[in-house]
Protein backbone atom coordinates (compact mmCIF):
# COMPACT_ATOMS: atom_id res chain seq x y z
CA LYS A 1 114.75 13.02 19.82
CA TRP A 2 114.45 12.47 16.08
CA ASP A 3 111.77 14.56 14.39
CA PRO A 4 112.43 14.29 10.65
CA ASP A 5 110.26 15.75 7.91
CA ILE A 6 110.82 12.63 5.79
CA VAL A 7 111.08 9.03 7.00
CA LEU A 8 112.39 6.23 4.77
CA THR A 9 112.26 2.57 5.82
CA MET A 10 114.02 -0.39 4.25
CA GLU A 11 113.11 -4.09 4.24
CA SER A 12 109.60 -3.20 5.41
CA ASP A 13 107.00 -5.85 4.53
CA PHE A 14 103.19 -5.84 4.73
CA GLU A 15 103.24 -6.42 8.49
CA TRP A 16 105.52 -3.42 8.87
CA GLU A 17 103.21 -1.43 6.62
CA ASN A 18 100.31 -2.05 8.98
CA ALA A 19 102.42 -0.91 11.92
CA LEU A 20 103.70 2.14 10.06
CA ASN A 21 100.18 3.32 9.25
CA GLN A 22 100.16 5.08 12.61
CA LEU A 23 102.57 7.63 11.10
CA SER A 24 99.92 8.90 8.70
CA GLU A 25 98.58 11.47 11.15
CA ASP A 26 101.95 13.24 11.40
CA TYR A 27 103.13 12.31 7.90
CA PRO A 28 100.15 12.72 5.54
CA TYR A 29 102.12 12.03 2.34
CA SER A 30 103.47 8.57 1.65
CA VAL A 31 104.71 6.08 -0.92
CA LYS A 32 104.40 2.40 -0.05
CA ALA A 33 106.21 -0.44 -1.81
CA ALA A 34 105.83 -3.39 0.54
CA ASN A 35 106.93 -6.89 -0.40
CA ASN A 36 108.04 -10.03 1.38
CA HIS A 37 111.42 -10.36 -0.36
CA TYR A 38 113.41 -8.19 2.07
CA TYR A 39 113.22 -5.26 -0.34
CA GLY A 40 110.05 -3.50 0.75
CA MET A 41 110.35 0.26 1.11
CA HIS A 42 108.13 2.90 2.68
CA LEU A 43 108.36 6.67 2.60
CA TYR A 44 106.46 9.09 4.84
CA SER A 45 106.61 12.87 4.55
CA ARG A 46 105.24 16.02 6.12
CA ILE A 47 106.04 17.83 2.88
CA GLU A 48 103.82 17.29 -0.14
CA LEU A 49 105.35 14.75 -2.52
CA LEU A 50 105.23 15.41 -6.25
CA ASN A 51 105.72 13.09 -9.24
CA THR A 52 105.98 10.02 -7.04
CA GLU A 53 106.93 6.79 -8.76
CA VAL A 54 107.90 3.30 -7.65
CA LYS A 55 110.40 1.97 -10.15
CA TYR A 56 111.86 -1.48 -10.69
CA LEU A 57 115.07 -0.50 -12.43
CA VAL A 58 116.73 -3.91 -12.64
CA GLU A 59 114.80 -6.60 -10.75
CA ASP A 60 111.03 -6.99 -10.40
CA ARG A 61 111.36 -7.76 -6.68
CA VAL A 62 113.52 -4.72 -5.88
CA PRO A 63 111.67 -1.38 -5.84
CA SER A 64 113.06 2.11 -5.67
CA ILE A 65 111.13 5.28 -4.86
CA TYR A 66 111.51 8.47 -6.90
CA PHE A 67 109.80 11.74 -6.08
CA ASP A 68 110.08 15.52 -6.16
CA LEU A 69 109.18 18.18 -3.62
CA GLU A 70 109.37 21.93 -3.21
CA PHE A 71 112.29 22.75 -0.92
CA LEU A 72 112.76 26.40 -0.01
CA GLU A 73 110.78 27.49 -3.07
CA ARG A 74 112.79 25.40 -5.50
CA PRO A 75 112.38 21.81 -6.74
CA LEU A 76 114.34 18.95 -5.22
CA SER A 77 114.44 15.40 -6.57
CA PHE A 78 114.93 12.29 -4.45
CA CYS A 79 115.95 8.77 -5.43
CA CYS A 80 115.63 6.09 -2.73
CA LEU A 81 117.41 2.83 -3.51
CA HIS A 82 118.00 -0.60 -2.02
CA PRO A 83 119.71 -2.72 -4.69
CA ALA A 84 120.19 -6.42 -3.98
CA PRO A 85 123.72 -7.46 -2.96
CA PRO A 86 125.75 -10.42 -4.17
CA SER A 87 125.28 -13.29 -1.73
CA PRO A 88 124.72 -17.07 -1.69
CA THR A 89 120.97 -16.51 -1.26
CA GLU A 90 120.62 -13.48 -3.53
CA ASN A 91 122.48 -12.67 -6.74
CA LYS A 92 125.62 -14.56 -7.70
CA THR A 93 127.48 -11.37 -8.61
CA SER A 94 127.19 -7.63 -8.00
CA GLU A 95 125.93 -7.02 -11.55
CA GLU A 96 122.34 -6.18 -10.54
CA ARG A 97 123.43 -3.88 -7.72
CA ASP A 98 125.95 -2.05 -9.87
CA ALA A 99 123.51 -1.64 -12.76
CA GLU A 100 120.85 -0.10 -10.53
CA LEU A 101 123.33 2.41 -9.15
CA MET A 102 124.50 3.35 -12.65
CA LYS A 103 120.92 3.77 -13.90
CA ALA A 104 120.12 6.03 -10.98
CA GLY A 105 123.30 7.99 -11.66
CA LYS A 106 122.41 8.56 -15.31
CA TYR A 107 118.97 9.77 -14.25
CA ILE A 108 120.47 12.26 -11.80
CA ARG A 109 122.94 13.46 -14.43
CA SER A 110 119.98 14.19 -16.74
CA LEU A 111 118.38 16.55 -14.20
CA ASP A 112 118.84 20.31 -14.11
CA LYS A 113 117.84 20.66 -10.46
CA SER A 114 118.91 19.74 -6.96
CA ALA A 115 118.88 16.05 -6.09
CA VAL A 116 119.46 13.61 -3.26
CA ILE A 117 120.01 9.87 -3.51
CA CYS A 118 119.85 7.75 -0.40
CA GLY A 119 119.28 4.25 0.90
CA ASP A 120 120.94 0.95 1.67
CA MET A 121 123.24 0.62 -1.33
CA ASN A 122 124.76 -2.67 -0.16
CA ASP A 123 128.12 -1.29 -1.19
CA VAL A 124 130.97 0.63 0.40
CA VAL A 125 131.82 4.13 -0.72
CA TRP A 126 135.33 3.21 -1.87
CA SER A 127 134.18 0.52 -4.32
CA ARG A 128 134.69 1.04 -8.04
CA PRO A 129 130.93 1.25 -8.86
CA THR A 130 130.26 3.84 -6.15
CA ARG A 131 133.27 5.89 -7.21
CA LEU A 132 131.97 5.74 -10.79
CA PHE A 133 128.56 6.88 -9.57
CA LYS A 134 130.10 9.88 -7.81
CA LYS A 135 132.15 10.72 -10.91
CA LEU A 136 129.04 10.42 -13.10
CA THR A 137 126.88 12.67 -10.92
CA GLY A 138 129.35 14.95 -9.16
CA MET A 139 127.39 14.36 -5.97
CA ILE A 140 128.86 15.00 -2.55
CA ASP A 141 129.29 12.45 0.23
CA PRO A 142 128.58 14.33 3.49
CA ARG A 143 130.67 11.84 5.46
CA VAL A 144 133.86 13.36 4.10
CA GLY A 145 135.56 15.24 6.93
CA ARG A 146 133.10 13.91 9.52
CA GLY A 147 133.80 10.23 9.96
CA PHE A 148 133.11 6.73 8.74
CA PHE A 149 129.51 6.22 9.97
CA PRO A 150 129.45 2.42 9.56
CA THR A 151 125.84 1.21 9.60
CA TYR A 152 126.10 -2.56 9.13
CA HIS A 153 126.30 -4.91 11.04
CA ALA A 154 124.71 -3.16 14.03
CA ARG A 155 125.12 -6.18 16.31
CA TYR A 156 128.83 -6.74 15.66
CA PRO A 157 131.02 -3.74 16.59
CA PHE A 158 134.16 -5.22 15.02
CA MET A 159 132.53 -6.06 11.66
CA ARG A 160 130.86 -2.86 10.51
CA PHE A 161 130.83 -1.19 7.12
CA PRO A 162 129.22 1.99 5.72
CA LEU A 163 126.53 0.52 3.45
CA ASP A 164 123.79 3.12 3.96
CA HIS A 165 124.47 6.30 2.03
CA LEU A 166 123.18 9.74 1.20
CA PHE A 167 124.69 11.78 -1.63
CA HIS A 168 123.57 15.26 -2.68
CA THR A 169 124.19 17.75 -5.46
CA GLN A 170 126.69 20.53 -4.88
CA ASP A 171 124.08 23.25 -4.35
CA LEU A 172 122.97 21.51 -1.14
CA LYS A 173 124.72 20.84 2.14
CA VAL A 174 124.16 18.60 5.15
CA GLY A 175 124.17 20.18 8.59
CA LYS A 176 123.49 17.77 11.41
CA MET A 177 124.28 14.15 10.56
CA LYS A 178 123.88 11.39 13.11
CA ARG A 179 123.78 7.63 13.29
CA THR A 180 120.88 6.47 15.43
CA PRO A 181 121.34 4.24 18.49
CA TYR A 182 120.82 0.50 18.11
CA PHE A 183 117.12 -0.33 17.86
CA GLY A 184 117.09 -4.06 17.07
CA SER A 185 117.82 -4.01 13.34
CA ASP A 186 120.98 -5.35 11.70
CA HIS A 187 121.46 -1.80 10.34
CA PHE A 188 121.67 1.47 12.22
CA GLY A 189 119.46 4.28 11.01
CA MET A 190 120.84 7.59 9.76
CA TYR A 191 119.54 11.12 10.35
CA TYR A 192 120.39 14.05 8.08
CA GLU A 193 119.46 17.72 8.03
CA ILE A 194 119.63 19.03 4.46
CA HIS A 195 120.05 22.73 3.66
CA ARG A 196 120.44 24.83 0.56
CA LYS A 197 123.58 26.87 0.18
CA LYS A 198 122.98 30.61 0.41
CA LYS A 199 124.32 31.22 -3.05
CA ILE A 200 121.85 30.01 -5.67
CA GLU A 201 123.60 27.45 -7.83
CA VAL A 202 122.54 25.18 -10.66
CA PRO A 203 124.18 21.74 -10.31
CA GLU A 204 126.69 21.14 -13.09
CA ASN A 205 127.65 17.76 -14.43
CA PRO A 206 131.33 16.87 -14.09
CA ILE A 207 133.45 15.94 -17.07
CA ILE A 208 133.66 12.18 -17.47
CA GLU A 209 136.07 10.30 -19.71
CA LYS A 210 134.89 8.10 -22.58
CA GLU A 211 136.43 5.02 -20.96
CA GLU A 212 134.38 5.69 -17.83
CA ILE A 213 131.20 6.17 -19.88
CA ASP A 214 131.86 2.84 -21.58
CA GLU A 215 132.39 1.18 -18.20
CA ILE A 216 129.13 2.62 -16.85
CA ASN A 217 127.19 1.49 -19.92
CA GLU A 218 128.73 -1.97 -19.71
CA LEU A 219 127.57 -2.31 -16.09
CA ILE A 220 124.03 -1.58 -17.29
CA ILE A 221 124.14 -3.70 -20.45
CA GLN A 222 125.35 -6.81 -18.63
CA VAL A 223 122.00 -7.18 -16.82
CA GLU A 224 119.92 -6.40 -19.91
CA ALA A 225 121.58 -8.94 -22.18
């Protein structure tokens, strides 16, 4: 049985929002960003949410949810993303997706507290943009040493890729981590149990080379030009 403190849904439209309202009794705190463009997002929490904000970092049809909460008496920031992928019916290139990931990464790098970023990134962890994101933030991929955890496409066992990610700062750790059974979506869900390390640490930014900074900025500038 899954009994999370925080539930995040992707591609949830207004019809889904009506259905998800039944969660409000168990999850009194929520952020809702429904739309009918396959990029709706809903967040439900048992823990009080602070500084909630729905942002449109790159495209006005693609929301992301940012919030803080108190986690074991210390602040924790969350960024929930679902950038649009390159496809014949979406964006011609990966520019928008890559720019959103870089913007989120620069935000996380600016923080002096624990942070988690999660969502359907529409990208694999070994891609150049995702590797740049990890270098920029120093965040940890909890899959390392555990397995591949491919989440898409749920209906085709021989064509699956890890597109749904969670990364966390080095002062945190993930205990239990499970992929949910198939439930009718083209993606599997993911379940994570997040803990603080016993030793109190302040996340430190990694050193990043000038060439990498230029590459990150170029990925952002190309969608703002």
